[in-house]
N, C-alpha and C. Protein backbone atom coordinates (compact mmCIF):
# COMPACT_ATOMS: atom_id res chain seq x y z
N MET A 1 127.06 105.81 63.69
CA MET A 1 126.52 105.72 65.01
C MET A 1 125.43 104.77 65.16
N TRP A 2 124.72 104.58 63.84
CA TRP A 2 123.59 103.76 63.99
C TRP A 2 124.14 102.36 64.07
N LEU A 3 123.26 101.34 64.82
CA LEU A 3 123.47 99.97 64.96
C LEU A 3 123.11 99.25 63.82
N GLU A 4 123.61 97.95 63.53
CA GLU A 4 123.12 97.11 62.71
C GLU A 4 121.54 96.55 63.31
N PRO A 5 120.90 96.16 62.35
CA PRO A 5 119.49 95.67 62.89
C PRO A 5 119.76 94.50 63.87
N SER A 6 120.75 93.49 63.48
CA SER A 6 121.01 92.38 64.71
C SER A 6 121.50 93.19 65.90
N GLU A 7 122.25 94.11 65.79
CA GLU A 7 122.67 94.96 67.12
C GLU A 7 121.31 95.30 67.93
N TRP A 8 120.46 95.96 67.18
CA TRP A 8 119.36 96.48 67.99
C TRP A 8 118.64 95.40 68.63
N THR A 9 118.35 94.14 67.73
CA THR A 9 117.62 93.01 68.44
C THR A 9 118.41 92.62 69.68
N GLN A 10 119.77 92.54 69.69
CA GLN A 10 120.44 92.40 70.76
C GLN A 10 120.33 93.08 71.98
N LEU A 11 120.46 94.43 71.60
CA LEU A 11 120.27 95.69 72.55
C LEU A 11 118.83 95.41 73.35
N PHE A 12 117.63 95.16 72.45
CA PHE A 12 116.46 94.81 73.09
C PHE A 12 116.59 93.65 74.00
N GLU A 13 117.15 92.59 73.44
CA GLU A 13 117.04 91.44 74.34
C GLU A 13 117.91 91.72 75.86
N ALA A 14 119.11 92.40 75.44
CA ALA A 14 119.85 92.76 76.69
C ALA A 14 119.32 93.75 77.69
N ALA A 15 118.26 94.62 77.22
CA ALA A 15 117.54 95.47 77.87
C ALA A 15 116.48 94.67 78.83
N LEU A 16 116.03 93.60 78.16
CA LEU A 16 114.94 92.83 78.63
C LEU A 16 115.58 91.80 79.82
N GLU A 17 116.78 91.52 79.64
CA GLU A 17 117.65 90.87 80.54
C GLU A 17 118.18 91.66 81.95
N THR A 18 118.37 92.98 81.63
CA THR A 18 118.41 93.88 82.65
C THR A 18 117.18 94.10 83.30
N LEU A 19 116.31 94.30 82.91
CA LEU A 19 114.87 94.41 83.57
C LEU A 19 114.69 93.23 84.43
N TYR A 20 114.84 92.15 83.86
CA TYR A 20 114.69 90.98 84.62
C TYR A 20 115.50 90.86 85.87
N MET A 21 116.76 91.04 85.63
CA MET A 21 117.59 91.03 86.83
C MET A 21 117.31 91.83 87.91
N VAL A 22 117.00 93.29 87.25
CA VAL A 22 116.69 94.31 88.35
C VAL A 22 115.21 93.91 89.09
N GLY A 23 114.15 93.58 88.25
CA GLY A 23 113.07 93.09 88.73
C GLY A 23 112.99 92.02 89.79
N ILE A 24 113.73 90.99 89.45
CA ILE A 24 113.92 89.75 90.50
C ILE A 24 114.32 90.18 91.80
N SER A 25 115.72 90.77 91.59
CA SER A 25 116.54 90.88 92.82
C SER A 25 115.99 92.03 93.52
N GLY A 26 115.32 93.16 92.69
CA GLY A 26 114.42 94.07 93.54
C GLY A 26 113.45 93.77 94.42
N LEU A 27 112.72 92.63 93.84
CA LEU A 27 111.58 92.24 94.52
C LEU A 27 112.22 91.52 95.87
N PHE A 28 113.13 90.44 95.72
CA PHE A 28 113.67 89.77 96.99
C PHE A 28 114.33 90.74 97.80
N THR A 29 114.85 91.58 97.31
CA THR A 29 115.66 92.76 98.32
C THR A 29 114.64 93.45 99.21
N VAL A 30 113.53 93.90 98.59
CA VAL A 30 112.45 94.38 99.45
C VAL A 30 112.07 93.46 100.47
N ILE A 31 111.81 92.38 100.12
CA ILE A 31 111.10 91.15 101.01
C ILE A 31 111.97 90.90 101.66
N LEU A 32 113.29 90.92 101.87
CA LEU A 32 114.25 90.61 102.81
C LEU A 32 114.71 91.78 103.54
N GLY A 33 114.92 92.87 102.97
CA GLY A 33 115.29 93.98 103.52
C GLY A 33 114.42 94.77 104.44
N ILE A 34 113.03 94.78 104.42
CA ILE A 34 112.07 95.43 105.16
C ILE A 34 112.14 94.61 106.62
N PRO A 35 112.00 93.38 106.64
CA PRO A 35 112.08 92.94 108.10
C PRO A 35 113.49 92.95 108.84
N LEU A 36 114.56 92.79 108.04
CA LEU A 36 115.88 93.27 108.49
C LEU A 36 115.91 94.44 109.14
N GLY A 37 115.46 95.54 108.40
CA GLY A 37 115.49 96.81 108.91
C GLY A 37 114.74 96.97 110.13
N ILE A 38 113.39 96.37 110.18
CA ILE A 38 112.60 96.51 111.31
C ILE A 38 113.28 95.62 112.53
N PHE A 39 113.90 94.72 112.36
CA PHE A 39 114.63 93.95 113.45
C PHE A 39 115.83 94.93 113.92
N LEU A 40 116.37 95.49 113.02
CA LEU A 40 117.35 96.33 113.43
C LEU A 40 117.19 97.51 114.38
N VAL A 41 115.90 97.88 114.29
CA VAL A 41 115.32 99.16 114.94
C VAL A 41 114.89 98.53 116.24
N LEU A 42 114.01 97.45 116.18
CA LEU A 42 113.19 97.11 117.26
C LEU A 42 114.38 96.25 118.57
N THR A 43 115.39 95.69 117.87
CA THR A 43 116.34 95.23 119.07
C THR A 43 117.41 96.12 119.44
N ASP A 44 117.24 97.53 118.91
CA ASP A 44 118.21 98.34 119.36
C ASP A 44 117.81 98.84 120.88
N LYS A 45 118.91 99.20 121.69
CA LYS A 45 118.86 99.80 122.81
C LYS A 45 117.65 100.81 123.23
N GLY A 46 116.66 100.29 123.99
CA GLY A 46 115.61 101.17 124.51
C GLY A 46 114.42 100.87 123.58
N GLN A 47 114.56 100.11 122.64
CA GLN A 47 113.38 99.80 121.77
C GLN A 47 112.37 98.46 122.27
N LEU A 48 111.39 98.20 121.55
CA LEU A 48 110.32 97.31 121.90
C LEU A 48 110.91 95.94 122.25
N LEU A 49 111.78 95.50 121.37
CA LEU A 49 112.51 94.34 121.53
C LEU A 49 113.86 94.25 121.83
N GLU A 50 114.22 95.02 122.71
CA GLU A 50 115.50 95.31 123.20
C GLU A 50 116.60 93.86 123.13
N ASN A 51 117.52 93.84 122.33
CA ASN A 51 118.14 92.44 122.40
C ASN A 51 119.68 92.88 122.01
N ARG A 52 120.59 93.36 122.76
CA ARG A 52 121.87 93.72 122.40
C ARG A 52 122.70 92.73 121.55
N ILE A 53 122.51 91.42 122.05
CA ILE A 53 123.38 90.47 121.06
C ILE A 53 122.86 90.19 119.78
N LEU A 54 121.55 90.16 119.74
CA LEU A 54 120.91 89.91 118.28
C LEU A 54 121.19 91.21 117.56
N ASN A 55 121.41 92.45 118.21
CA ASN A 55 121.21 93.62 117.38
C ASN A 55 122.66 93.71 116.74
N ILE A 56 123.72 93.26 117.64
CA ILE A 56 125.05 93.33 117.32
C ILE A 56 125.29 92.53 116.01
N ILE A 57 124.70 91.16 116.26
CA ILE A 57 124.96 90.16 115.10
C ILE A 57 124.17 90.71 113.74
N LEU A 58 123.02 91.28 113.92
CA LEU A 58 122.53 91.70 112.60
C LEU A 58 123.47 92.67 111.95
N SER A 59 123.86 93.74 112.89
CA SER A 59 124.43 94.86 112.47
C SER A 59 125.82 94.37 111.83
N VAL A 60 126.45 93.45 112.33
CA VAL A 60 127.79 93.03 111.72
C VAL A 60 127.69 92.41 110.38
N ILE A 61 126.53 91.57 110.34
CA ILE A 61 126.30 90.72 109.13
C ILE A 61 125.90 91.95 107.85
N VAL A 62 125.07 92.87 108.35
CA VAL A 62 124.72 94.07 107.47
C VAL A 62 125.89 94.70 107.00
N ASN A 63 126.64 95.18 107.89
CA ASN A 63 127.95 95.92 107.50
C ASN A 63 128.78 95.14 106.79
N VAL A 64 129.03 93.80 106.91
CA VAL A 64 129.95 93.04 106.17
C VAL A 64 129.65 93.02 104.78
N PHE A 65 128.29 92.54 104.44
CA PHE A 65 128.00 92.41 103.02
C PHE A 65 127.73 93.79 102.42
N ARG A 66 127.53 94.92 103.03
CA ARG A 66 127.43 96.34 102.45
C ARG A 66 128.96 96.76 102.15
N SER A 67 130.24 96.15 103.04
CA SER A 67 131.32 96.72 102.89
C SER A 67 132.17 96.07 101.65
N ILE A 68 131.65 94.74 101.17
CA ILE A 68 132.25 94.10 99.95
C ILE A 68 132.08 94.56 98.91
N PRO A 69 133.01 95.10 97.82
CA PRO A 69 132.70 95.64 96.46
C PRO A 69 131.85 94.36 95.75
N PHE A 70 130.91 95.13 95.07
CA PHE A 70 130.02 94.06 94.40
C PHE A 70 130.47 92.95 93.48
N ILE A 71 131.70 93.45 92.74
CA ILE A 71 132.52 92.64 91.80
C ILE A 71 133.26 91.48 92.59
N ILE A 72 133.71 91.91 93.78
CA ILE A 72 134.39 90.65 94.61
C ILE A 72 133.15 89.95 95.05
N LEU A 73 132.14 90.35 95.46
CA LEU A 73 131.11 89.61 96.20
C LEU A 73 130.43 88.46 95.28
N MET A 74 130.59 88.87 93.98
CA MET A 74 130.03 88.02 92.94
C MET A 74 130.95 86.97 92.83
N VAL A 75 132.25 86.97 92.72
CA VAL A 75 133.31 86.09 92.83
C VAL A 75 133.12 85.18 93.99
N LEU A 76 133.04 85.78 95.08
CA LEU A 76 132.97 85.02 96.41
C LEU A 76 131.80 84.21 96.42
N LEU A 77 130.67 84.48 95.84
CA LEU A 77 129.35 83.89 95.88
C LEU A 77 129.33 82.92 94.61
N ILE A 78 130.45 82.76 93.85
CA ILE A 78 130.30 81.64 92.88
C ILE A 78 129.63 80.34 93.07
N PRO A 79 130.46 79.68 94.31
CA PRO A 79 129.96 78.38 94.68
C PRO A 79 128.43 78.38 95.12
N PHE A 80 128.07 79.48 95.98
CA PHE A 80 126.54 79.49 96.48
C PHE A 80 125.69 79.66 95.51
N THR A 81 126.08 80.54 94.43
CA THR A 81 125.18 80.70 93.24
C THR A 81 124.98 79.38 92.42
N ARG A 82 126.02 78.85 92.22
CA ARG A 82 125.93 77.38 91.33
C ARG A 82 125.07 76.62 92.05
N LYS A 83 125.15 76.35 93.44
CA LYS A 83 124.48 75.61 94.32
C LYS A 83 122.92 75.95 94.33
N ILE A 84 122.64 77.40 94.17
CA ILE A 84 120.96 77.64 94.21
C ILE A 84 120.64 77.74 92.82
N VAL A 85 121.15 78.11 91.65
CA VAL A 85 120.50 78.15 90.34
C VAL A 85 121.37 77.01 89.43
N GLY A 86 122.30 76.50 89.77
CA GLY A 86 123.06 75.42 88.98
C GLY A 86 124.09 76.02 88.04
N THR A 87 124.12 77.36 88.01
CA THR A 87 125.46 77.89 87.09
C THR A 87 125.74 79.14 87.81
N PRO A 88 126.96 79.79 87.68
CA PRO A 88 127.05 81.21 88.19
C PRO A 88 127.06 82.13 86.75
N ILE A 89 126.77 81.47 85.88
CA ILE A 89 126.66 82.45 84.52
C ILE A 89 125.16 82.67 84.09
N GLY A 90 124.83 83.93 83.67
CA GLY A 90 123.48 84.21 83.16
C GLY A 90 122.76 85.05 84.18
N SER A 91 121.66 85.55 83.44
CA SER A 91 120.64 86.60 84.21
C SER A 91 120.27 86.18 85.56
N THR A 92 120.01 84.90 85.42
CA THR A 92 119.26 84.31 86.88
C THR A 92 120.34 84.00 87.82
N ALA A 93 121.46 83.54 87.35
CA ALA A 93 122.55 83.55 88.25
C ALA A 93 122.94 84.89 88.87
N ALA A 94 122.87 85.92 88.00
CA ALA A 94 123.40 87.11 88.67
C ALA A 94 122.46 87.71 89.72
N THR A 95 121.15 87.31 89.80
CA THR A 95 120.12 87.77 90.67
C THR A 95 120.63 87.26 92.10
N VAL A 96 121.26 86.28 92.37
CA VAL A 96 121.83 85.77 93.78
C VAL A 96 122.78 86.90 94.29
N PRO A 97 123.81 87.21 93.52
CA PRO A 97 124.72 88.00 94.43
C PRO A 97 124.02 89.49 94.33
N LEU A 98 123.20 89.85 93.41
CA LEU A 98 122.32 91.20 93.48
C LEU A 98 121.73 91.21 94.57
N ILE A 99 120.95 90.18 95.01
CA ILE A 99 120.04 90.21 96.29
C ILE A 99 120.81 90.10 97.54
N VAL A 100 121.94 89.40 97.60
CA VAL A 100 122.91 89.40 98.67
C VAL A 100 123.52 90.81 98.87
N GLY A 101 123.97 91.47 97.86
CA GLY A 101 124.46 92.56 98.01
C GLY A 101 123.63 93.77 98.23
N ALA A 102 122.36 93.87 97.53
CA ALA A 102 121.35 94.72 97.94
C ALA A 102 120.54 94.83 99.25
N ALA A 103 120.34 93.56 99.45
CA ALA A 103 119.46 93.39 100.82
C ALA A 103 119.86 94.20 101.89
N PRO A 104 121.12 93.91 102.47
CA PRO A 104 121.82 94.76 103.58
C PRO A 104 121.65 96.20 103.24
N PHE A 105 121.97 96.55 102.08
CA PHE A 105 122.11 98.21 101.72
C PHE A 105 120.62 98.80 102.00
N PHE A 106 119.62 98.19 101.57
CA PHE A 106 118.21 98.57 101.59
C PHE A 106 117.94 98.56 102.96
N ALA A 107 118.31 97.38 103.92
CA ALA A 107 117.88 97.31 105.41
C ALA A 107 118.35 98.38 105.96
N ARG A 108 119.38 99.00 105.73
CA ARG A 108 119.81 100.23 106.42
C ARG A 108 119.08 101.32 106.14
N LEU A 109 118.77 101.37 104.93
CA LEU A 109 117.70 102.63 104.45
C LEU A 109 116.42 102.47 105.15
N VAL A 110 115.94 101.11 105.16
CA VAL A 110 114.70 100.95 106.06
C VAL A 110 114.91 101.38 107.49
N GLU A 111 116.02 100.79 108.22
CA GLU A 111 116.15 101.40 109.44
C GLU A 111 116.21 102.90 109.87
N THR A 112 116.96 103.64 108.72
CA THR A 112 116.96 104.93 108.82
C THR A 112 115.62 105.58 108.86
N SER A 113 114.70 105.03 107.87
CA SER A 113 113.22 105.63 107.65
C SER A 113 112.52 105.44 109.03
N LEU A 114 112.55 104.03 109.57
CA LEU A 114 111.88 103.94 110.74
C LEU A 114 112.53 104.76 112.08
N ARG A 115 113.67 104.94 112.19
CA ARG A 115 114.15 105.97 113.19
C ARG A 115 113.41 107.36 113.15
N GLU A 116 112.93 107.60 111.84
CA GLU A 116 112.41 109.00 111.76
C GLU A 116 111.25 109.14 112.08
N VAL A 117 110.40 108.04 112.61
CA VAL A 117 108.97 107.98 112.97
C VAL A 117 108.91 108.60 114.05
N ASN A 118 107.94 109.63 114.45
CA ASN A 118 107.60 110.25 115.57
C ASN A 118 107.62 109.36 116.73
N LYS A 119 108.56 109.34 117.89
CA LYS A 119 108.24 108.46 119.00
C LYS A 119 106.93 108.71 119.91
N GLY A 120 106.56 110.00 119.78
CA GLY A 120 105.20 110.33 120.34
C GLY A 120 104.07 109.51 119.85
N VAL A 121 104.08 109.32 118.53
CA VAL A 121 103.21 108.45 117.87
C VAL A 121 103.19 106.99 118.38
N ILE A 122 104.38 106.65 118.50
CA ILE A 122 104.53 105.06 119.01
C ILE A 122 104.03 105.08 120.53
N GLU A 123 104.52 105.96 121.26
CA GLU A 123 104.07 105.94 122.61
C GLU A 123 102.61 106.18 122.72
N ALA A 124 101.89 106.96 122.00
CA ALA A 124 100.36 107.09 121.96
C ALA A 124 99.74 105.55 121.63
N ALA A 125 100.36 104.88 120.49
CA ALA A 125 99.82 103.74 120.34
C ALA A 125 99.98 102.59 121.32
N LEU A 126 101.06 102.70 122.00
CA LEU A 126 101.56 101.73 123.36
C LEU A 126 100.43 101.96 124.41
N SER A 127 100.26 103.40 124.55
CA SER A 127 99.28 103.76 125.73
C SER A 127 98.03 103.16 125.27
N MET A 128 97.52 102.96 124.03
CA MET A 128 96.25 102.55 123.74
C MET A 128 96.09 101.05 123.75
N GLY A 129 97.27 100.42 124.21
CA GLY A 129 97.36 98.98 124.31
C GLY A 129 97.71 98.14 122.86
N ALA A 130 98.23 98.82 121.87
CA ALA A 130 98.64 98.30 120.56
C ALA A 130 99.95 97.33 121.05
N ASN A 131 99.94 96.02 120.33
CA ASN A 131 100.96 95.13 120.64
C ASN A 131 102.02 95.43 119.49
N ILE A 132 103.09 94.72 119.57
CA ILE A 132 104.07 94.94 118.67
C ILE A 132 104.00 94.77 117.22
N ARG A 133 103.09 93.85 116.82
CA ARG A 133 102.74 93.65 115.59
C ARG A 133 101.86 94.74 114.96
N GLN A 134 101.15 95.10 115.89
CA GLN A 134 100.28 96.44 115.37
C GLN A 134 101.09 97.93 115.42
N ILE A 135 102.08 97.73 116.22
CA ILE A 135 103.07 98.93 116.19
C ILE A 135 103.71 98.82 114.69
N ILE A 136 104.10 97.70 114.62
CA ILE A 136 104.80 97.69 113.25
C ILE A 136 104.12 98.02 111.98
N PHE A 137 102.92 97.33 111.79
CA PHE A 137 102.23 97.45 110.58
C PHE A 137 101.13 98.70 110.58
N LYS A 138 100.94 99.26 111.79
CA LYS A 138 99.92 100.23 111.70
C LYS A 138 100.52 101.60 112.18
N VAL A 139 101.82 101.73 112.70
CA VAL A 139 102.52 102.88 112.95
C VAL A 139 103.66 102.95 112.27
N TYR A 140 104.79 102.06 112.50
CA TYR A 140 106.09 102.26 111.92
C TYR A 140 105.89 102.27 110.24
N LEU A 141 105.50 101.22 109.66
CA LEU A 141 105.44 101.01 108.21
C LEU A 141 104.73 102.40 107.59
N PRO A 142 103.23 102.57 107.99
CA PRO A 142 102.82 103.67 107.13
C PRO A 142 103.35 105.00 107.51
N GLU A 143 103.69 105.09 108.73
CA GLU A 143 104.33 106.45 108.87
C GLU A 143 105.94 106.82 108.05
N ALA A 144 106.36 105.56 107.82
CA ALA A 144 107.73 105.58 107.27
C ALA A 144 107.67 105.30 105.60
N MET A 145 106.45 105.15 105.15
CA MET A 145 106.29 104.59 103.94
C MET A 145 106.90 105.49 102.79
N PRO A 146 106.73 106.84 102.87
CA PRO A 146 107.14 107.81 101.69
C PRO A 146 108.67 107.56 101.62
N SER A 147 109.37 107.53 102.99
CA SER A 147 110.78 107.32 103.01
C SER A 147 111.25 105.84 102.66
N ILE A 148 110.68 104.99 103.02
CA ILE A 148 111.03 103.62 102.41
C ILE A 148 110.91 103.57 100.95
N LEU A 149 110.06 104.16 100.23
CA LEU A 149 109.73 104.09 98.92
C LEU A 149 110.93 104.83 98.31
N SER A 150 111.28 106.08 98.98
CA SER A 150 112.65 106.58 98.38
C SER A 150 113.75 105.62 98.66
N GLY A 151 113.76 104.94 99.49
CA GLY A 151 114.85 103.95 99.62
C GLY A 151 114.61 102.79 98.73
N ILE A 152 113.54 102.47 98.29
CA ILE A 152 113.41 101.48 97.38
C ILE A 152 113.94 102.17 96.01
N THR A 153 113.54 103.21 95.58
CA THR A 153 114.03 104.02 94.41
C THR A 153 115.68 103.87 94.45
N VAL A 154 116.17 104.39 95.38
CA VAL A 154 117.75 104.38 95.51
C VAL A 154 118.33 103.00 95.40
N THR A 155 117.67 102.02 95.82
CA THR A 155 118.18 100.57 95.92
C THR A 155 117.98 100.20 94.37
N LEU A 156 116.91 100.33 93.59
CA LEU A 156 116.78 99.93 92.27
C LEU A 156 117.73 100.66 91.22
N VAL A 157 118.05 101.85 91.66
CA VAL A 157 119.06 102.50 91.01
C VAL A 157 120.34 101.88 90.86
N ALA A 158 120.67 101.49 92.35
CA ALA A 158 122.07 100.84 92.58
C ALA A 158 122.00 99.57 91.97
N LEU A 159 120.85 98.80 91.92
CA LEU A 159 120.66 97.53 91.20
C LEU A 159 120.96 97.54 89.72
N ILE A 160 120.66 98.52 88.98
CA ILE A 160 120.71 98.67 87.78
C ILE A 160 122.37 99.00 87.53
N SER A 161 123.01 99.64 88.39
CA SER A 161 124.42 99.84 88.22
C SER A 161 125.11 98.58 88.43
N TYR A 162 124.53 97.67 89.73
CA TYR A 162 125.45 96.52 90.00
C TYR A 162 124.98 95.45 88.63
N SER A 163 123.84 95.41 88.20
CA SER A 163 123.62 94.57 87.03
C SER A 163 124.64 94.91 85.76
N ALA A 164 124.96 96.01 85.69
CA ALA A 164 125.87 96.43 84.60
C ALA A 164 127.14 95.70 84.86
N MET A 165 127.79 95.71 86.23
CA MET A 165 128.96 95.22 86.57
C MET A 165 128.96 93.74 86.62
N ALA A 166 127.60 93.02 86.75
CA ALA A 166 127.49 91.64 86.53
C ALA A 166 127.87 91.22 85.21
N GLY A 167 127.77 92.02 84.13
CA GLY A 167 128.10 91.70 82.71
C GLY A 167 129.52 91.38 82.62
N VAL A 168 130.30 91.82 83.48
CA VAL A 168 131.86 91.43 83.49
C VAL A 168 131.98 90.06 83.65
N LEU A 169 131.25 89.39 84.60
CA LEU A 169 131.34 88.03 84.75
C LEU A 169 130.19 87.24 84.08
N GLY A 170 129.88 87.57 82.93
CA GLY A 170 128.76 86.83 82.04
C GLY A 170 127.34 86.91 82.72
N GLY A 171 127.13 87.86 83.33
CA GLY A 171 125.86 88.17 83.97
C GLY A 171 124.68 88.41 83.00
N GLY A 172 125.06 88.59 81.84
CA GLY A 172 123.89 89.11 80.91
C GLY A 172 123.67 90.55 80.87
N GLY A 173 122.51 90.94 80.09
CA GLY A 173 122.07 92.20 80.27
C GLY A 173 122.95 93.39 79.48
N LEU A 174 122.60 94.58 79.62
CA LEU A 174 123.30 95.72 78.97
C LEU A 174 124.55 95.73 79.36
N GLY A 175 125.15 95.40 80.65
CA GLY A 175 126.62 95.39 80.92
C GLY A 175 127.17 94.48 80.25
N ASN A 176 126.76 93.29 80.06
CA ASN A 176 127.46 92.07 79.35
C ASN A 176 127.57 92.55 77.92
N MET A 177 126.73 93.28 77.23
CA MET A 177 126.65 93.47 75.78
C MET A 177 127.67 94.70 75.49
N ALA A 178 127.75 95.76 76.62
CA ALA A 178 128.59 96.96 76.66
C ALA A 178 130.14 96.35 76.72
N ILE A 179 130.37 95.24 77.50
CA ILE A 179 131.62 94.68 77.68
C ILE A 179 132.06 94.03 76.52
N ILE A 180 131.28 92.93 76.16
CA ILE A 180 131.68 91.90 74.89
C ILE A 180 131.89 92.70 73.52
N TYR A 181 130.36 93.54 73.35
CA TYR A 181 130.56 93.83 71.86
C TYR A 181 130.98 95.52 71.97
N GLY A 182 130.90 96.16 72.83
CA GLY A 182 131.32 97.60 72.77
C GLY A 182 132.93 97.65 73.25
N TYR A 183 133.33 97.10 74.49
CA TYR A 183 134.61 97.10 74.82
C TYR A 183 135.74 96.21 74.17
N GLN A 184 135.24 94.87 74.26
CA GLN A 184 136.23 94.05 73.72
C GLN A 184 136.37 93.74 72.22
N LEU A 185 135.13 93.97 71.47
CA LEU A 185 135.22 94.26 70.03
C LEU A 185 135.29 95.65 69.38
N TYR A 186 135.74 96.56 70.28
CA TYR A 186 135.96 97.95 69.87
C TYR A 186 134.77 98.45 69.02
N ASN A 187 133.47 98.08 69.49
CA ASN A 187 132.56 98.72 68.85
C ASN A 187 131.98 99.83 69.46
N THR A 188 132.37 101.16 69.42
CA THR A 188 132.12 102.21 70.02
C THR A 188 130.62 102.57 70.10
N PRO A 189 129.70 102.64 69.00
CA PRO A 189 128.24 102.88 68.96
C PRO A 189 127.62 102.01 69.94
N VAL A 190 127.91 100.75 69.92
CA VAL A 190 127.33 99.84 70.91
C VAL A 190 127.46 100.28 72.38
N MET A 191 128.83 100.57 72.60
CA MET A 191 129.32 101.03 73.98
C MET A 191 128.29 102.23 74.40
N LEU A 192 128.25 103.25 73.32
CA LEU A 192 127.59 104.59 73.61
C LEU A 192 126.00 104.23 73.83
N VAL A 193 125.53 103.46 72.85
CA VAL A 193 123.92 103.14 73.12
C VAL A 193 123.50 102.34 74.12
N THR A 194 124.35 101.25 74.55
CA THR A 194 124.04 100.43 75.84
C THR A 194 124.11 101.56 76.89
N THR A 195 125.35 102.32 77.04
CA THR A 195 125.24 103.11 78.16
C THR A 195 124.22 104.13 78.28
N ALA A 196 123.69 104.95 77.01
CA ALA A 196 122.52 105.73 77.07
C ALA A 196 121.35 105.10 77.58
N VAL A 197 121.04 103.77 77.06
CA VAL A 197 119.88 103.08 77.66
C VAL A 197 120.04 102.75 79.15
N ILE A 198 121.03 102.47 79.62
CA ILE A 198 121.35 102.29 81.38
C ILE A 198 120.90 103.60 81.89
N LEU A 199 121.53 104.89 81.43
CA LEU A 199 121.22 105.95 81.84
C LEU A 199 119.63 106.31 81.81
N LEU A 200 119.17 105.93 80.72
CA LEU A 200 117.61 106.23 80.59
C LEU A 200 116.90 105.20 81.53
N LEU A 201 117.25 104.06 81.89
CA LEU A 201 116.52 103.33 82.87
C LEU A 201 116.58 103.98 84.20
N VAL A 202 117.76 104.40 84.44
CA VAL A 202 118.08 105.24 85.90
C VAL A 202 117.22 106.26 86.16
N GLN A 203 117.14 107.06 85.00
CA GLN A 203 116.35 108.24 84.95
C GLN A 203 114.71 107.88 85.13
N LEU A 204 114.19 106.88 84.51
CA LEU A 204 112.84 106.39 84.58
C LEU A 204 112.47 106.05 86.02
N VAL A 205 113.32 105.20 86.65
CA VAL A 205 113.49 104.77 87.79
C VAL A 205 113.28 105.66 88.87
N GLN A 206 114.17 106.82 88.84
CA GLN A 206 114.08 107.92 89.88
C GLN A 206 112.93 108.86 89.56
N THR A 207 112.64 108.98 88.48
CA THR A 207 111.48 109.78 88.38
C THR A 207 110.17 109.29 88.75
N LEU A 208 109.87 108.05 88.37
CA LEU A 208 108.61 107.30 88.87
C LEU A 208 108.83 107.18 90.40
N GLY A 209 109.84 106.79 91.13
CA GLY A 209 110.13 106.61 92.38
C GLY A 209 109.64 107.84 93.18
N ASP A 210 110.39 108.93 92.62
CA ASP A 210 110.08 110.42 93.24
C ASP A 210 108.52 110.75 93.20
N HIS A 211 107.94 110.52 92.17
CA HIS A 211 106.54 110.68 91.78
C HIS A 211 105.76 110.12 93.00
N ILE A 212 105.91 108.60 92.95
CA ILE A 212 105.18 107.87 93.85
C ILE A 212 105.27 108.37 95.48
N SER A 213 106.65 108.33 95.79
CA SER A 213 106.95 108.89 97.08
C SER A 213 106.27 110.21 97.52
N LYS A 214 106.20 111.24 96.57
CA LYS A 214 105.52 112.30 96.84
C LYS A 214 103.96 112.20 96.83
N ARG A 215 103.52 111.41 95.96
CA ARG A 215 101.89 111.29 95.97
C ARG A 215 101.67 110.53 97.31
N ILE A 216 102.30 109.81 98.22
CA ILE A 216 101.60 109.17 99.41
C ILE A 216 102.22 110.13 100.53
N ASP A 217 103.06 110.85 100.30
CA ASP A 217 103.64 111.77 101.48
C ASP A 217 102.57 112.70 102.01
N LYS A 218 101.99 112.43 103.02
CA LYS A 218 100.93 113.23 103.43
C LYS A 218 101.42 114.49 104.28
N LYS A 219 102.45 114.58 104.82
CA LYS A 219 103.24 115.54 105.68
C LYS A 219 103.18 116.99 105.18
């Protein structure tokens, strides 16, 4: 069951690669997903920036990228990934499809969180002369922050799963180690240990996310 010393070293490096992929892609997913989720809400019917055409375009884009299975999305994005980072293989290259796949998913979570904000609070802010920028940053985001943080946690867990799938196409990380050394070389201990580390990462992210979300939830 115990791994060779060299395998422990590889496991450590693979875990760092997974953290790198999830960290970078998670950061850019949040940066892209929050504005996208805000526009999905504000351009909807009866909202502050109602624009049916723009809302339909954004919804279609989000739905399309959410509907494509991640492993297929990685293949489809190989030319784009090569253009952005110079190669379709490796941890940095894997962050491109991870961001493209996760940002629309997270945007829908943000949209759902913002729709749960009490309309009375928004109407009260409008009656006091608040502009759209103030409504977004002083009403929508603060009121929805616990729910948005829960969405970030869900998205990070999904990214850990996606990063493991990226290993199938040479994305590096724990998934790559499990596929090459565990599956292709019939090394069952490596397969079991890498799976256990992935599960541990998921539990840590979920526990930390739940804790932070509860701490800032004042309801």
